[in-house]
């Protein structure tokens, strides 16, 4: 009933316990009840988060009477700004509809919650490439062109000697090479001094393949060289060689 303002910190997992009481401030048995927690943006009039409340009340343990819990993962709060929001809990009725629970003795359904970003770093989106630069390839055993993502920032200023990098390659029936390269140059040109980190050959592969590697680099790039159709020797035959559709990279 007598709620207080809550604070959630971005960049970490947050656990919020909810205590259900009646108007006489007595704990209520909620062991067979269901509730949904709502985080509401009053400025844009939209729900940011709806999560089921995990009921800790087992119906017998006195210390757990009327107790529920909501866990906010790091990704749950990623899209939230550091500001104040409204929060509330709605009960799931027997017919599947929702009924209000109240945050105070004046039948108010909303309480205040603050999302803060005081200390912990938050997740950042992966760098994504779906369009590739095209260059002529003189290798007679491959197709006429090879394809490059361009320079992807590896953020060396934030890395130690065992810095972890991940590249995810999305492919459809792809036959050919995929090469991951790194450089220490701050601003490499199209043909900068790149060193090969991973060199993988595929035959008709469909799906996502992941490369994890360590090291301090200024830039990373991914290039791929589709195989030439072996019988007709036809170049640019995507029916045979398939496609590389997307590259996701994060450091």
Protein backbone atom coordinates (compact mmCIF):
# COMPACT_ATOMS: atom_id res chain seq x y z
CA UNK A 1 0.00 0.00 0.00
CA UNK A 2 2.36 2.72 1.18
CA UNK A 3 4.73 2.73 -1.74
CA UNK A 4 7.95 4.65 -2.04
CA UNK A 5 9.75 5.87 -5.13
CA UNK A 6 11.95 3.24 -6.76
CA UNK A 7 15.21 3.60 -8.64
CA UNK A 8 16.45 1.29 -11.39
CA UNK A 9 20.04 1.39 -12.60
CA UNK A 10 20.87 0.91 -16.27
CA UNK A 11 23.70 -1.46 -17.16
CA UNK A 12 22.91 -4.13 -14.55
CA UNK A 13 20.12 -6.51 -13.56
CA UNK A 14 17.60 -4.98 -11.13
CA UNK A 15 15.33 -6.96 -8.79
CA UNK A 16 12.22 -5.28 -7.38
CA UNK A 17 10.15 -6.96 -4.67
CA UNK A 18 6.46 -6.13 -4.37
CA UNK A 19 4.52 -6.67 -1.17
CA UNK A 20 0.75 -7.10 -1.47
CA UNK A 21 -1.37 -5.98 1.50
CA UNK A 22 -5.04 -5.30 2.19
CA UNK A 23 -6.52 -2.02 3.45
CA UNK A 24 -5.69 -3.04 7.03
CA UNK A 25 -2.01 -3.43 6.15
CA UNK A 26 -2.21 -7.21 6.51
CA UNK A 27 -0.30 -9.43 4.10
CA UNK A 28 -2.50 -11.00 1.42
CA UNK A 29 -2.07 -14.57 0.21
CA UNK A 30 -1.24 -14.22 -3.51
CA UNK A 31 0.12 -17.74 -4.05
CA UNK A 32 -2.57 -18.48 -6.66
CA UNK A 33 -2.73 -14.98 -8.15
CA UNK A 34 -1.13 -13.49 -11.26
CA UNK A 35 0.06 -9.92 -11.74
CA UNK A 36 1.70 -7.84 -14.45
CA UNK A 37 4.14 -5.01 -13.77
CA UNK A 38 3.88 -1.97 -16.07
CA UNK A 39 6.46 0.75 -16.68
CA UNK A 40 4.62 3.68 -18.29
CA UNK A 41 5.96 6.71 -20.17
CA UNK A 42 3.51 9.53 -19.31
CA UNK A 43 5.09 11.98 -21.77
CA UNK A 44 4.59 9.81 -24.85
CA UNK A 45 1.63 7.90 -23.40
CA UNK A 46 2.97 4.43 -24.00
CA UNK A 47 3.93 1.32 -22.09
CA UNK A 48 7.68 0.80 -22.10
CA UNK A 49 7.81 -2.51 -20.27
CA UNK A 50 5.27 -5.12 -19.24
CA UNK A 51 6.59 -8.05 -17.23
CA UNK A 52 4.90 -10.83 -15.32
CA UNK A 53 5.38 -10.66 -11.57
CA UNK A 54 7.03 -13.79 -10.21
CA UNK A 55 5.05 -14.87 -7.16
CA UNK A 56 7.32 -15.84 -4.25
CA UNK A 57 4.37 -16.50 -1.91
CA UNK A 58 3.98 -20.28 -1.65
CA UNK A 59 0.82 -20.13 0.45
CA UNK A 60 2.44 -21.58 3.58
CA UNK A 61 5.68 -19.73 4.40
CA UNK A 62 4.82 -16.72 6.54
CA UNK A 63 7.91 -14.75 5.53
CA UNK A 64 6.84 -14.98 1.86
CA UNK A 65 3.18 -14.07 2.40
CA UNK A 66 2.03 -11.54 -0.22
CA UNK A 67 5.47 -11.29 -1.83
CA UNK A 68 6.25 -11.03 -5.53
CA UNK A 69 9.30 -10.07 -7.56
CA UNK A 70 10.06 -8.45 -10.90
CA UNK A 71 13.50 -8.79 -12.52
CA UNK A 72 14.69 -6.20 -15.04
CA UNK A 73 17.56 -7.38 -17.22
CA UNK A 74 20.13 -5.05 -18.70
CA UNK A 75 18.43 -5.25 -22.10
CA UNK A 76 15.00 -4.43 -20.59
CA UNK A 77 16.20 -0.94 -19.64
CA UNK A 78 18.38 -0.32 -22.67
CA UNK A 79 15.76 1.79 -24.50
CA UNK A 80 14.73 3.75 -21.39
CA UNK A 81 16.02 7.27 -20.91
CA UNK A 82 17.42 8.34 -17.56
CA UNK A 83 14.30 10.03 -16.22
CA UNK A 84 11.14 9.50 -14.19
CA UNK A 85 8.35 7.13 -15.23
CA UNK A 86 5.14 5.80 -13.75
CA UNK A 87 4.88 2.21 -12.60
CA UNK A 88 1.94 0.09 -11.63
CA UNK A 89 0.78 -3.48 -11.10
CA UNK A 90 -2.39 -4.96 -12.54
CA UNK A 91 -3.99 -8.20 -11.41
CA UNK A 92 -5.04 -10.90 -13.86
CA UNK A 93 -8.70 -11.81 -13.22
CA UNK A 94 -10.17 -15.28 -13.66
CA UNK A 95 -11.53 -14.38 -17.12
CA UNK A 96 -8.14 -13.14 -18.30
CA UNK A 97 -8.97 -9.44 -17.98
CA UNK A 98 -7.03 -7.02 -15.80
CA UNK A 99 -8.09 -5.34 -12.57
CA UNK A 100 -6.16 -2.57 -10.80
CA UNK A 101 -4.03 -2.88 -7.70
CA UNK A 102 -3.55 0.28 -5.67
CA UNK A 103 -0.35 2.00 -4.65
CA UNK A 104 -1.79 4.01 -1.73
CA UNK A 105 -4.85 4.46 0.46
CA UNK A 106 -6.31 7.00 -1.96
CA UNK A 107 -6.84 4.37 -4.67
CA UNK A 108 -3.99 5.65 -6.78
CA UNK A 109 -2.79 3.03 -9.23
CA UNK A 110 0.48 4.68 -10.26
CA UNK A 111 3.75 5.10 -8.40
CA UNK A 112 6.93 6.90 -9.43
CA UNK A 113 10.01 5.07 -10.62
CA UNK A 114 13.30 6.60 -11.72
CA UNK A 115 15.62 5.02 -14.27
CA UNK A 116 19.18 6.16 -13.61
CA UNK A 117 22.53 5.70 -15.29
CA UNK A 118 24.97 6.56 -12.52
CA UNK A 119 27.79 4.09 -12.83
CA UNK A 120 27.41 1.01 -15.03
CA UNK A 121 27.99 0.95 -18.81
CA UNK A 122 25.03 -0.07 -20.93
CA UNK A 123 24.77 -2.30 -23.97
CA UNK A 124 25.39 -0.60 -27.29
CA UNK A 125 24.04 -1.82 -30.63
CA UNK A 126 26.29 -3.92 -32.83
CA UNK A 127 27.69 -2.31 -35.95
CA UNK A 128 25.64 -3.63 -38.86
CA UNK A 129 26.46 -3.84 -42.56
CA UNK A 130 24.08 -4.97 -45.30
CA UNK A 131 25.71 -3.09 -48.20
CA UNK A 132 29.19 -4.00 -49.34
CA UNK A 133 31.82 -2.23 -51.44
CA UNK A 134 32.77 -4.11 -54.60
CA UNK A 135 36.30 -4.55 -55.96
CA UNK A 136 37.71 -6.48 -58.90
CA UNK A 137 39.25 -9.81 -57.96
CA UNK A 138 42.05 -11.22 -60.12
CA UNK A 139 41.82 -14.73 -58.65
CA UNK A 140 40.82 -16.97 -61.58
CA UNK A 141 39.34 -19.57 -59.23
CA UNK A 142 36.88 -17.12 -57.71
CA UNK A 143 34.17 -14.85 -59.01
CA UNK A 144 35.09 -11.63 -60.71
CA UNK A 145 34.50 -9.44 -57.65
CA UNK A 146 35.07 -9.53 -53.91
CA UNK A 147 33.11 -7.55 -51.36
CA UNK A 148 34.08 -5.45 -48.32
CA UNK A 149 32.20 -4.12 -45.30
CA UNK A 150 34.41 -1.08 -45.03
CA UNK A 151 36.20 -0.07 -41.83
CA UNK A 152 34.39 -1.00 -38.60
CA UNK A 153 35.51 0.81 -35.45
CA UNK A 154 37.15 -1.57 -32.96
CA UNK A 155 37.44 1.07 -30.17
CA UNK A 156 41.02 0.22 -29.12
CA UNK A 157 40.96 2.95 -26.46
CA UNK A 158 38.60 0.79 -24.39
CA UNK A 159 40.46 -2.49 -24.81
CA UNK A 160 43.14 -4.48 -23.00
CA UNK A 161 45.52 -6.96 -24.55
CA UNK A 162 42.91 -9.77 -24.56
CA UNK A 163 40.07 -7.65 -25.94
CA UNK A 164 37.19 -9.80 -27.20
CA UNK A 165 35.55 -9.18 -30.58
CA UNK A 166 32.57 -10.94 -32.16
CA UNK A 167 31.51 -10.94 -35.80
CA UNK A 168 28.29 -12.62 -36.95
CA UNK A 169 27.96 -13.43 -40.65
CA UNK A 170 24.47 -14.04 -42.11
CA UNK A 171 24.56 -16.22 -45.24
CA UNK A 172 22.14 -17.86 -47.67
CA UNK A 173 23.39 -20.95 -49.55
CA UNK A 174 26.81 -19.32 -49.59
CA UNK A 175 29.82 -20.95 -51.24
CA UNK A 176 33.13 -19.16 -51.03
CA UNK A 177 35.45 -17.47 -48.55
CA UNK A 178 34.75 -15.11 -45.67
CA UNK A 179 37.78 -13.28 -44.31
CA UNK A 180 37.93 -11.19 -41.14
CA UNK A 181 40.80 -8.69 -41.04
CA UNK A 182 42.18 -6.19 -38.53
CA UNK A 183 44.51 -3.22 -38.66
CA UNK A 184 46.33 -0.87 -36.29
CA UNK A 185 45.95 2.05 -38.68
CA UNK A 186 43.69 4.81 -37.38
CA UNK A 187 42.32 5.74 -40.79
CA UNK A 188 43.11 3.00 -43.31
CA UNK A 189 42.14 3.52 -46.92
CA UNK A 190 40.36 0.99 -49.10
CA UNK A 191 43.53 -1.10 -49.24
CA UNK A 192 45.11 -0.31 -45.88
CA UNK A 193 47.51 -2.58 -44.07
CA UNK A 194 45.09 -5.23 -42.84
CA UNK A 195 46.12 -8.58 -41.37
CA UNK A 196 43.97 -11.71 -41.72
CA UNK A 197 42.39 -12.84 -38.45
CA UNK A 198 39.98 -15.50 -39.71
CA UNK A 199 39.79 -17.14 -43.15
CA UNK A 200 36.88 -19.56 -43.58
CA UNK A 201 35.59 -21.43 -46.62
CA UNK A 202 31.90 -22.37 -46.93
CA UNK A 203 30.04 -24.73 -49.21
CA UNK A 204 26.33 -24.01 -49.57
CA UNK A 205 26.02 -22.66 -46.02
CA UNK A 206 22.73 -21.11 -44.83
CA UNK A 207 22.49 -19.52 -41.39
CA UNK A 208 24.62 -17.43 -39.04
CA UNK A 209 28.25 -18.18 -38.28
CA UNK A 210 30.05 -16.47 -35.40
CA UNK A 211 33.70 -15.57 -35.09
CA UNK A 212 35.15 -14.71 -31.68
CA UNK A 213 38.70 -13.41 -31.56
CA UNK A 214 40.96 -11.40 -29.26
CA UNK A 215 43.36 -8.54 -29.79
CA UNK A 216 43.67 -4.77 -29.93
CA UNK A 217 42.83 -3.32 -33.35
CA UNK A 218 41.89 0.14 -34.58
CA UNK A 219 39.60 -1.12 -37.33
CA UNK A 220 38.04 -4.40 -38.37
CA UNK A 221 36.62 -5.32 -41.74
CA UNK A 222 34.97 -8.38 -43.24
CA UNK A 223 35.37 -9.30 -46.88
CA UNK A 224 34.00 -12.22 -48.80
CA UNK A 225 34.95 -13.85 -52.09
CA UNK A 226 32.20 -15.95 -53.72
CA UNK A 227 33.34 -19.11 -55.51
CA UNK A 228 33.08 -19.39 -59.30
CA UNK A 229 30.65 -21.94 -60.74
CA UNK A 230 33.03 -24.89 -61.41
CA UNK A 231 31.42 -26.24 -64.60
CA UNK A 232 30.44 -23.16 -66.58
CA UNK A 233 33.11 -20.97 -64.91
CA UNK A 234 30.42 -18.29 -64.73
CA UNK A 235 31.19 -15.20 -62.68
CA UNK A 236 28.65 -13.45 -60.41
CA UNK A 237 26.45 -16.54 -60.33
CA UNK A 238 24.52 -16.06 -57.07
CA UNK A 239 22.41 -19.14 -57.83
CA UNK A 240 25.57 -21.19 -57.37
CA UNK A 241 27.53 -19.08 -54.88
CA UNK A 242 24.63 -17.82 -52.77
CA UNK A 243 24.87 -14.59 -50.83
CA UNK A 244 26.33 -12.99 -47.72
CA UNK A 245 23.41 -10.94 -46.45
CA UNK A 246 24.58 -9.12 -43.35
CA UNK A 247 27.50 -8.65 -40.98
CA UNK A 248 27.11 -7.74 -37.30
CA UNK A 249 30.22 -6.73 -35.36
CA UNK A 250 30.74 -5.70 -31.77
CA UNK A 251 33.88 -5.15 -29.72
